[in-house]
C-alpha atoms as a PDB file:
ATOM      1  CA  MET A   1     -56.318 192.421 -18.534  1.00  0.00           C
ATOM      2  CA  THR A   2     -58.676 190.673 -16.155  1.00  0.00           C
ATOM      3  CA  GLY A   3     -62.275 191.726 -15.791  1.00  0.00           C
ATOM      4  CA  LYS A   4     -63.882 192.939 -12.562  1.00  0.00           C
ATOM      5  CA  GLY A   5     -65.345 189.520 -11.832  1.00  0.00           C
ATOM      6  CA  GLU A   6     -61.994 187.815 -12.386  1.00  0.00           C
ATOM      7  CA  ARG A   7     -60.235 190.297 -10.080  1.00  0.00           C
ATOM      8  CA  LYS A   8     -62.849 189.658  -7.401  1.00  0.00           C
ATOM      9  CA  ASN A   9     -62.290 185.891  -7.584  1.00  0.00           C
ATOM     10  CA  LEU A  10     -58.535 186.283  -7.440  1.00  0.00           C
ATOM     11  CA  ARG A  11     -58.842 188.577  -4.445  1.00  0.00           C
ATOM     12  CA  GLY A  12     -61.070 186.066  -2.710  1.00  0.00           C
ATOM     13  CA  ARG A  13     -58.525 183.282  -3.095  1.00  0.00           C
ATOM     14  CA  ALA A  14     -55.710 185.543  -1.940  1.00  0.00           C
ATOM     15  CA  GLY A  15     -57.723 186.612   1.074  1.00  0.00           C
ATOM     16  CA  ARG A  16     -58.224 183.042   2.134  1.00  0.00           C
ATOM     17  CA  MET A  17     -54.523 182.347   1.742  1.00  0.00           C
ATOM     18  CA  GLN A  18     -53.916 185.269   4.101  1.00  0.00           C
ATOM     19  CA  GLY A  19     -55.719 183.585   6.988  1.00  0.00           C
ATOM     20  CA  GLY A  20     -57.908 185.018   9.710  1.00  0.00           C
ATOM     21  CA  ARG A  21     -57.932 185.135  13.491  1.00  0.00           C
ATOM     22  CA  GLY A  22     -56.307 181.696  13.692  1.00  0.00           C
ATOM     23  CA  SER A  23     -53.297 182.282  15.915  1.00  0.00           C
ATOM     24  CA  GLY A  24     -52.835 183.929  19.238  1.00  0.00           C
ATOM     25  CA  ARG A  25     -55.452 181.831  20.998  1.00  0.00           C
ATOM     26  CA  GLY A  26     -54.872 180.136  24.323  1.00  0.00           C
ATOM     27  CA  ALA A  27     -53.885 176.509  24.523  1.00  0.00           C
ATOM     28  CA  GLN A  28     -57.420 175.624  25.595  1.00  0.00           C
ATOM     29  CA  GLY A  29     -58.813 177.254  22.459  1.00  0.00           C
ATOM     30  CA  HIS A  30     -61.094 179.705  24.197  1.00  0.00           C
ATOM     31  CA  VAL A  31     -61.228 183.408  25.035  1.00  0.00           C
ATOM     32  CA  ARG A  32     -61.775 184.917  28.473  1.00  0.00           C
ATOM     33  CA  LEU A  33     -63.435 188.329  28.604  1.00  0.00           C
ATOM     34  CA  TRP A  34     -64.159 190.563  31.572  1.00  0.00           C
ATOM     35  CA  GLY A  35     -65.799 193.885  32.352  1.00  0.00           C
ATOM     36  CA  ARG A  36     -69.435 194.885  31.837  1.00  0.00           C
ATOM     37  CA  HIS A  37     -69.224 196.331  28.319  1.00  0.00           C
ATOM     38  CA  ALA A  38     -67.028 193.561  26.922  1.00  0.00           C
ATOM     39  CA  VAL A  39     -69.066 190.754  28.487  1.00  0.00           C
ATOM     40  CA  GLU A  40     -72.436 192.308  27.709  1.00  0.00           C
ATOM     41  CA  ALA A  41     -71.497 192.842  24.046  1.00  0.00           C
ATOM     42  CA  ALA A  42     -70.264 189.239  23.806  1.00  0.00           C
ATOM     43  CA  LEU A  43     -73.474 187.923  25.354  1.00  0.00           C
ATOM     44  CA  LYS A  44     -75.521 189.902  22.824  1.00  0.00           C
ATOM     45  CA  ASN A  45     -73.399 188.801  19.863  1.00  0.00           C
ATOM     46  CA  PRO A  46     -75.154 185.903  18.083  1.00  0.00           C
ATOM     47  CA  ALA A  47     -71.871 184.973  16.422  1.00  0.00           C
ATOM     48  CA  ARG A  48     -70.182 184.365  19.793  1.00  0.00           C
ATOM     49  CA  ARG A  49     -70.491 180.915  21.413  1.00  0.00           C
ATOM     50  CA  HIS A  50     -70.365 181.040  25.198  1.00  0.00           C
ATOM     51  CA  ARG A  51     -68.891 178.436  27.531  1.00  0.00           C
ATOM     52  CA  LYS A  52     -69.335 179.730  31.084  1.00  0.00           C
ATOM     53  CA  LEU A  53     -70.077 182.965  32.934  1.00  0.00           C
ATOM     54  CA  TRP A  54     -68.775 183.731  36.420  1.00  0.00           C
ATOM     55  CA  ALA A  55     -70.476 186.700  38.029  1.00  0.00           C
ATOM     56  CA  THR A  56     -71.381 188.519  41.185  1.00  0.00           C
ATOM     57  CA  ARG A  57     -75.084 189.228  41.674  1.00  0.00           C
ATOM     58  CA  GLU A  58     -74.316 192.918  41.240  1.00  0.00           C
ATOM     59  CA  GLY A  59     -72.577 192.128  37.953  1.00  0.00           C
ATOM     60  CA  ILE A  60     -75.634 190.281  36.651  1.00  0.00           C
ATOM     61  CA  ALA A  61     -77.870 193.155  37.749  1.00  0.00           C
ATOM     62  CA  SER A  62     -75.706 195.617  35.780  1.00  0.00           C
ATOM     63  CA  LEU A  63     -76.402 193.877  32.461  1.00  0.00           C
ATOM     64  CA  ASP A  64     -78.768 195.492  29.995  1.00  0.00           C
ATOM     65  CA  GLY A  65     -81.816 193.238  29.993  1.00  0.00           C
ATOM     66  CA  GLU A  66     -82.495 189.834  31.509  1.00  0.00           C
ATOM     67  CA  LEU A  67     -79.777 187.238  31.010  1.00  0.00           C
ATOM     68  CA  GLN A  68     -81.007 184.298  28.934  1.00  0.00           C
ATOM     69  CA  ALA A  69     -78.232 181.783  29.578  1.00  0.00           C
ATOM     70  CA  ASP A  70     -78.016 178.417  27.807  1.00  0.00           C
ATOM     71  CA  PHE A  71     -74.557 177.891  29.320  1.00  0.00           C
ATOM     72  CA  PRO A  72     -73.272 177.453  32.894  1.00  0.00           C
ATOM     73  CA  LEU A  73     -73.574 180.467  35.209  1.00  0.00           C
ATOM     74  CA  GLU A  74     -71.656 180.432  38.480  1.00  0.00           C
ATOM     75  CA  TYR A  75     -72.059 183.108  41.134  1.00  0.00           C
ATOM     76  CA  ALA A  76     -68.896 184.153  42.933  1.00  0.00           C
ATOM     77  CA  ASP A  77     -67.584 187.068  44.938  1.00  0.00           C
ATOM     78  CA  GLY A  78     -65.239 189.698  43.573  1.00  0.00           C
ATOM     79  CA  ALA A  79     -62.123 188.185  45.089  1.00  0.00           C
ATOM     80  CA  ASP A  80     -62.810 184.851  43.397  1.00  0.00           C
ATOM     81  CA  LEU A  81     -63.327 186.579  40.036  1.00  0.00           C
ATOM     82  CA  ALA A  82     -60.046 188.460  40.463  1.00  0.00           C
ATOM     83  CA  ARG A  83     -58.232 185.128  40.400  1.00  0.00           C
ATOM     84  CA  LEU A  84     -59.707 184.371  36.961  1.00  0.00           C
ATOM     85  CA  VAL A  85     -58.413 187.484  35.187  1.00  0.00           C
ATOM     86  CA  ALA A  86     -55.197 189.398  34.618  1.00  0.00           C
ATOM     87  CA  ARG A  87     -53.615 190.988  37.683  1.00  0.00           C
ATOM     88  CA  ASP A  88     -55.587 194.038  38.866  1.00  0.00           C
ATOM     89  CA  ALA A  89     -57.949 193.771  35.890  1.00  0.00           C
ATOM     90  CA  PRO A  90     -61.253 195.620  36.505  1.00  0.00           C
ATOM     91  CA  HIS A  91     -63.663 192.713  35.988  1.00  0.00           C
ATOM     92  CA  GLN A  92     -66.725 194.627  37.292  1.00  0.00           C
ATOM     93  CA  GLY A  93     -68.248 191.402  38.570  1.00  0.00           C
ATOM     94  CA  LEU A  94     -68.359 189.624  35.200  1.00  0.00           C
ATOM     95  CA  VAL A  95     -65.970 187.068  33.659  1.00  0.00           C
ATOM     96  CA  LEU A  96     -66.967 185.135  30.544  1.00  0.00           C
ATOM     97  CA  ASP A  97     -65.315 182.147  28.887  1.00  0.00           C
ATOM     98  CA  CYS A  98     -66.297 181.878  25.223  1.00  0.00           C
ATOM     99  CA  GLU A  99     -65.157 180.579  21.863  1.00  0.00           C
ATOM    100  CA  PRO A 100     -63.040 182.790  19.583  1.00  0.00           C
ATOM    101  CA  LEU A 101     -64.946 184.564  16.856  1.00  0.00           C
ATOM    102  CA  ASP A 102     -64.895 182.899  13.459  1.00  0.00           C
ATOM    103  CA  ASP A 103     -62.119 183.819  11.058  1.00  0.00           C
ATOM    104  CA  ILE A 104     -62.718 186.899   8.922  1.00  0.00           C
ATOM    105  CA  TYR A 105     -60.852 187.240   5.655  1.00  0.00           C
ATOM    106  CA  LEU A 106     -59.735 190.325   3.801  1.00  0.00           C
ATOM    107  CA  ALA A 107     -61.895 189.498   0.803  1.00  0.00           C
ATOM    108  CA  ASP A 108     -64.933 189.561   3.101  1.00  0.00           C
ATOM    109  CA  VAL A 109     -64.508 193.280   3.833  1.00  0.00           C
ATOM    110  CA  LEU A 110     -63.060 194.731   0.620  1.00  0.00           C
ATOM    111  CA  ASP A 111     -66.370 194.938  -1.220  1.00  0.00           C
ATOM    112  CA  GLY A 112     -68.202 196.804   1.549  1.00  0.00           C
ATOM    113  CA  ASP A 113     -69.346 200.415   1.812  1.00  0.00           C
ATOM    114  CA  PRO A 114     -66.549 202.523   0.223  1.00  0.00           C
ATOM    115  CA  ARG A 115     -67.273 205.363   2.650  1.00  0.00           C
ATOM    116  CA  ARG A 116     -66.119 203.226   5.559  1.00  0.00           C
ATOM    117  CA  PRO A 117     -62.328 203.168   6.006  1.00  0.00           C
ATOM    118  CA  LEU A 118     -60.070 200.253   6.783  1.00  0.00           C
ATOM    119  CA  VAL A 119     -57.638 200.601   9.699  1.00  0.00           C
ATOM    120  CA  VAL A 120     -54.313 198.832   9.149  1.00  0.00           C
ATOM    121  CA  LEU A 121     -51.892 198.375  12.055  1.00  0.00           C
ATOM    122  CA  ASP A 122     -48.242 197.545  11.444  1.00  0.00           C
ATOM    123  CA  GLN A 123     -46.878 195.687  14.481  1.00  0.00           C
ATOM    124  CA  VAL A 124     -48.955 197.522  17.082  1.00  0.00           C
ATOM    125  CA  THR A 125     -48.691 194.936  19.840  1.00  0.00           C
ATOM    126  CA  ASP A 126     -50.024 196.669  22.967  1.00  0.00           C
ATOM    127  CA  PRO A 127     -53.493 195.166  23.620  1.00  0.00           C
ATOM    128  CA  HIS A 128     -54.680 198.367  25.316  1.00  0.00           C
ATOM    129  CA  ASN A 129     -53.875 200.361  22.173  1.00  0.00           C
ATOM    130  CA  VAL A 130     -55.456 197.805  19.851  1.00  0.00           C
ATOM    131  CA  GLY A 131     -58.572 197.713  22.015  1.00  0.00           C
ATOM    132  CA  ALA A 132     -58.817 201.509  22.060  1.00  0.00           C
ATOM    133  CA  ILE A 133     -58.415 201.590  18.263  1.00  0.00           C
ATOM    134  CA  LEU A 134     -61.203 199.031  17.904  1.00  0.00           C
ATOM    135  CA  ARG A 135     -63.404 201.273  20.044  1.00  0.00           C
ATOM    136  CA  SER A 136     -62.684 204.306  17.828  1.00  0.00           C
ATOM    137  CA  ALA A 137     -63.183 202.173  14.715  1.00  0.00           C
ATOM    138  CA  ALA A 138     -66.655 201.237  15.943  1.00  0.00           C
ATOM    139  CA  ALA A 139     -67.477 204.821  16.912  1.00  0.00           C
ATOM    140  CA  PHE A 140     -66.541 206.242  13.506  1.00  0.00           C
ATOM    141  CA  GLY A 141     -67.867 203.419  11.342  1.00  0.00           C
ATOM    142  CA  ALA A 142     -64.673 201.762  10.116  1.00  0.00           C
ATOM    143  CA  ALA A 143     -65.210 198.679   7.969  1.00  0.00           C
ATOM    144  CA  ALA A 144     -62.515 196.544   9.614  1.00  0.00           C
ATOM    145  CA  LEU A 145     -59.251 196.383  11.512  1.00  0.00           C
ATOM    146  CA  VAL A 146     -56.407 194.659   9.658  1.00  0.00           C
ATOM    147  CA  THR A 147     -53.286 193.412  11.450  1.00  0.00           C
ATOM    148  CA  GLN A 148     -50.476 190.963  10.807  1.00  0.00           C
ATOM    149  CA  ASP A 149     -51.192 187.714  12.584  1.00  0.00           C
ATOM    150  CA  ARG A 150     -47.776 187.295  14.248  1.00  0.00           C
ATOM    151  CA  HIS A 151     -47.344 190.872  15.464  1.00  0.00           C
ATOM    152  CA  ALA A 152     -50.652 191.733  17.102  1.00  0.00           C
ATOM    153  CA  PRO A 153     -52.172 190.805  20.453  1.00  0.00           C
ATOM    154  CA  PRO A 154     -54.557 187.858  20.597  1.00  0.00           C
ATOM    155  CA  GLU A 155     -58.287 188.238  20.901  1.00  0.00           C
ATOM    156  CA  GLY A 156     -58.737 188.272  24.656  1.00  0.00           C
ATOM    157  CA  GLY A 157     -59.610 190.025  27.871  1.00  0.00           C
ATOM    158  CA  VAL A 158     -57.286 193.034  27.766  1.00  0.00           C
ATOM    159  CA  VAL A 159     -58.221 193.880  24.177  1.00  0.00           C
ATOM    160  CA  GLY A 160     -61.888 193.241  24.940  1.00  0.00           C
ATOM    161  CA  LYS A 161     -61.927 195.460  28.039  1.00  0.00           C
ATOM    162  CA  SER A 162     -60.114 198.294  26.237  1.00  0.00           C
ATOM    163  CA  ALA A 163     -62.432 197.941  23.233  1.00  0.00           C
ATOM    164  CA  SER A 164     -65.492 198.354  25.496  1.00  0.00           C
ATOM    165  CA  GLY A 165     -67.640 196.051  23.383  1.00  0.00           C
ATOM    166  CA  ALA A 166     -66.179 196.949  19.965  1.00  0.00           C
ATOM    167  CA  LEU A 167     -64.425 193.562  19.716  1.00  0.00           C
ATOM    168  CA  GLU A 168     -67.868 192.136  18.919  1.00  0.00           C
ATOM    169  CA  VAL A 169     -68.707 194.842  16.367  1.00  0.00           C
ATOM    170  CA  VAL A 170     -65.643 195.603  14.236  1.00  0.00           C
ATOM    171  CA  PRO A 171     -64.369 192.813  11.969  1.00  0.00           C
ATOM    172  CA  TRP A 172     -60.761 192.012  12.843  1.00  0.00           C
ATOM    173  CA  VAL A 173     -58.843 190.577   9.895  1.00  0.00           C
ATOM    174  CA  ARG A 174     -55.508 188.920  10.674  1.00  0.00           C
ATOM    175  CA  VAL A 175     -53.250 188.398   7.675  1.00  0.00           C
ATOM    176  CA  VAL A 176     -49.979 186.549   7.178  1.00  0.00           C
ATOM    177  CA  ASN A 177     -48.384 189.194   4.947  1.00  0.00           C
ATOM    178  CA  LEU A 178     -49.377 192.818   5.570  1.00  0.00           C
ATOM    179  CA  ALA A 179     -47.673 194.153   2.426  1.00  0.00           C
ATOM    180  CA  ARG A 180     -49.611 191.693   0.286  1.00  0.00           C
ATOM    181  CA  ALA A 181     -52.820 192.715   2.053  1.00  0.00           C
ATOM    182  CA  LEU A 182     -52.104 196.357   1.177  1.00  0.00           C
ATOM    183  CA  GLU A 183     -51.663 195.326  -2.464  1.00  0.00           C
ATOM    184  CA  GLU A 184     -55.079 193.664  -2.366  1.00  0.00           C
ATOM    185  CA  MET A 185     -56.582 196.831  -0.909  1.00  0.00           C
ATOM    186  CA  ALA A 186     -55.130 198.843  -3.792  1.00  0.00           C
ATOM    187  CA  GLU A 187     -56.585 196.361  -6.296  1.00  0.00           C
ATOM    188  CA  ALA A 188     -59.969 196.880  -4.635  1.00  0.00           C
ATOM    189  CA  GLY A 189     -59.721 200.648  -5.125  1.00  0.00           C
ATOM    190  CA  TYR A 190     -58.552 201.758  -1.668  1.00  0.00           C
ATOM    191  CA  TRP A 191     -56.178 204.718  -1.330  1.00  0.00           C
ATOM    192  CA  ARG A 192     -53.614 203.728   1.286  1.00  0.00           C
ATOM    193  CA  ILE A 193     -52.545 206.582   3.565  1.00  0.00           C
ATOM    194  CA  GLY A 194     -49.740 205.986   6.035  1.00  0.00           C
ATOM    195  CA  LEU A 195     -49.645 208.254   9.075  1.00  0.00           C
ATOM    196  CA  ALA A 196     -46.109 209.569   9.597  1.00  0.00           C
ATOM    197  CA  GLY A 197     -44.963 212.580  11.577  1.00  0.00           C
ATOM    198  CA  GLU A 198     -42.334 213.478   8.972  1.00  0.00           C
ATOM    199  CA  ALA A 199     -44.822 213.688   6.083  1.00  0.00           C
ATOM    200  CA  MET A 200     -45.166 217.005   4.243  1.00  0.00           C
ATOM    201  CA  ALA A 201     -48.936 216.822   3.665  1.00  0.00           C
ATOM    202  CA  THR A 202     -51.505 216.887   6.428  1.00  0.00           C
ATOM    203  CA  LEU A 203     -54.157 214.177   6.556  1.00  0.00           C
ATOM    204  CA  ALA A 204     -56.826 216.657   5.437  1.00  0.00           C
ATOM    205  CA  GLU A 205     -54.743 217.477   2.355  1.00  0.00           C
ATOM    206  CA  ALA A 206     -54.047 213.823   1.555  1.00  0.00           C
ATOM    207  CA  LEU A 207     -57.580 212.461   1.944  1.00  0.00           C
ATOM    208  CA  PRO A 208     -59.236 211.476  -1.348  1.00  0.00           C
ATOM    209  CA  ALA A 209     -62.963 211.195  -1.965  1.00  0.00           C
ATOM    210  CA  GLY A 210     -62.951 207.432  -2.436  1.00  0.00           C
ATOM    211  CA  PRO A 211     -62.219 204.371  -0.270  1.00  0.00           C
ATOM    212  CA  VAL A 212     -59.411 204.859   2.251  1.00  0.00           C
ATOM    213  CA  ALA A 213     -57.151 202.537   4.211  1.00  0.00           C
ATOM    214  CA  LEU A 214     -55.436 204.265   7.147  1.00  0.00           C
ATOM    215  CA  VAL A 215     -52.078 202.689   7.988  1.00  0.00           C
ATOM    216  CA  LEU A 216     -50.475 203.219  11.407  1.00  0.00           C
ATOM    217  CA  GLY A 217     -47.205 201.895  12.763  1.00  0.00           C
ATOM    218  CA  ALA A 218     -46.062 201.013  16.247  1.00  0.00           C
ATOM    219  CA  GLU A 219     -45.121 203.783  18.636  1.00  0.00           C
ATOM    220  CA  GLY A 220     -41.461 204.660  18.439  1.00  0.00           C
ATOM    221  CA  GLU A 221     -40.555 202.581  15.386  1.00  0.00           C
ATOM    222  CA  GLY A 222     -43.457 203.712  13.208  1.00  0.00           C
ATOM    223  CA  MET A 223     -44.238 201.836  10.013  1.00  0.00           C
ATOM    224  CA  ARG A 224     -41.673 199.463   8.611  1.00  0.00           C
ATOM    225  CA  HIS A 225     -40.000 200.521   5.357  1.00  0.00           C
ATOM    226  CA  ASN A 226     -41.774 197.859   3.301  1.00  0.00           C
ATOM    227  CA  ILE A 227     -45.153 198.950   4.627  1.00  0.00           C
ATOM    228  CA  THR A 228     -44.378 202.612   3.942  1.00  0.00           C
ATOM    229  CA  ALA A 229     -43.456 201.624   0.376  1.00  0.00           C
ATOM    230  CA  HIS A 230     -46.918 200.076  -0.027  1.00  0.00           C
ATOM    231  CA  CYS A 231     -48.714 203.306   0.887  1.00  0.00           C
ATOM    232  CA  ASP A 232     -50.015 205.631  -1.842  1.00  0.00           C
ATOM    233  CA  ALA A 233     -49.369 208.690   0.326  1.00  0.00           C
ATOM    234  CA  LEU A 234     -47.953 209.672   3.695  1.00  0.00           C
ATOM    235  CA  ALA A 235     -49.716 212.213   5.871  1.00  0.00           C
ATOM    236  CA  ARG A 236     -49.279 213.789   9.269  1.00  0.00           C
ATOM    237  CA  LEU A 237     -51.632 215.103  11.891  1.00  0.00           C
ATOM    238  CA  PRO A 238     -51.072 218.856  12.420  1.00  0.00           C
ATOM    239  CA  ILE A 239     -50.144 218.747  16.107  1.00  0.00           C
ATOM    240  CA  SER A 240     -48.362 221.453  18.064  1.00  0.00           C
ATOM    241  CA  ASP A 241     -44.562 221.594  18.233  1.00  0.00           C
ATOM    242  CA  ALA A 242     -44.951 221.298  22.001  1.00  0.00           C
ATOM    243  CA  MET A 243     -45.608 217.573  21.538  1.00  0.00           C
ATOM    244  CA  GLU A 244     -43.479 215.262  19.412  1.00  0.00           C
ATOM    245  CA  SER A 245     -46.159 212.675  18.712  1.00  0.00           C
ATOM    246  CA  LEU A 246     -49.462 211.152  19.789  1.00  0.00           C
ATOM    247  CA  ASN A 247     -50.260 207.752  21.216  1.00  0.00           C
ATOM    248  CA  VAL A 248     -51.163 205.481  18.295  1.00  0.00           C
ATOM    249  CA  SER A 249     -54.715 204.988  19.557  1.00  0.00           C
ATOM    250  CA  ASN A 250     -55.231 208.761  19.807  1.00  0.00           C
ATOM    251  CA  ALA A 251     -53.818 209.236  16.315  1.00  0.00           C
ATOM    252  CA  ALA A 252     -56.169 206.551  14.976  1.00  0.00           C
ATOM    253  CA  ALA A 253     -59.184 208.229  16.595  1.00  0.00           C
ATOM    254  CA  ILE A 254     -58.320 211.626  15.081  1.00  0.00           C
ATOM    255  CA  ALA A 255     -57.686 210.111  11.648  1.00  0.00           C
ATOM    256  CA  LEU A 256     -60.968 208.202  11.746  1.00  0.00           C
ATOM    257  CA  TYR A 257     -62.811 211.389  12.697  1.00  0.00           C
ATOM    258  CA  ALA A 258     -61.181 213.174   9.748  1.00  0.00           C
ATOM    259  CA  VAL A 259     -62.362 210.464   7.363  1.00  0.00           C
ATOM    260  CA  ALA A 260     -65.868 210.457   8.843  1.00  0.00           C
ATOM    261  CA  THR A 261     -66.261 214.232   8.456  1.00  0.00           C
ATOM    262  CA  ARG A 262     -64.632 214.715   5.035  1.00  0.00           C
ATOM    263  CA  SER A 263     -66.684 216.103   2.162  1.00  0.00           C
ATOM    264  CA  LEU A 264     -67.553 213.375  -0.345  1.00  0.00           C
END
């Protein structure tokens, strides 16, 4: 049997094998963010390296505090900014080109505050949903978001706008093998609860007192069988029969609230 220190070292090596944010970046290797909250949070994040900011004068005026820019700033009108972002994206007069955040590994977050849950997404690919989940994760103090690298949206403008600044706050761990990552969570003492509408127990009944990893699958398909098999328990949200299911981002918000308000 390995000791605690040996398990920690093994987990660290496994985490680094899992990888971080590495894929999903644009060919130019940078990230484009838009919208006041996303851009403002990125500008305030000391871990974010900025390349260039395009802005209207109204957009600059909307920022919290005086902009101290050590990177190019170009003023433009709204129509010009609209050509820099996704179609019909609400840029709010601010578009920022910046470097991707540094890779974060699973081992970096497993030894954190045990009261803060992990949020694990199994092939949730809609960037609006992932951004909304990041926002809820920040609001309810989650330790990290964990996704599979190949089946999650890239760090970018749609996720950033939907996250409303949480992209800069919540560590986002991208792993190669989600099942293996769940095994590492179990080794670290996390109780893995998969949200499934067909489960017998409600989330309140299934929640333990210790560290929790909430696992959510894509809308429609739900969790894959192998991911379900790596959960310690399945639980459902007690919603009315009038509605078959909830949007995955709404379900994540409710589950995170339940964890935040449980009795420890």
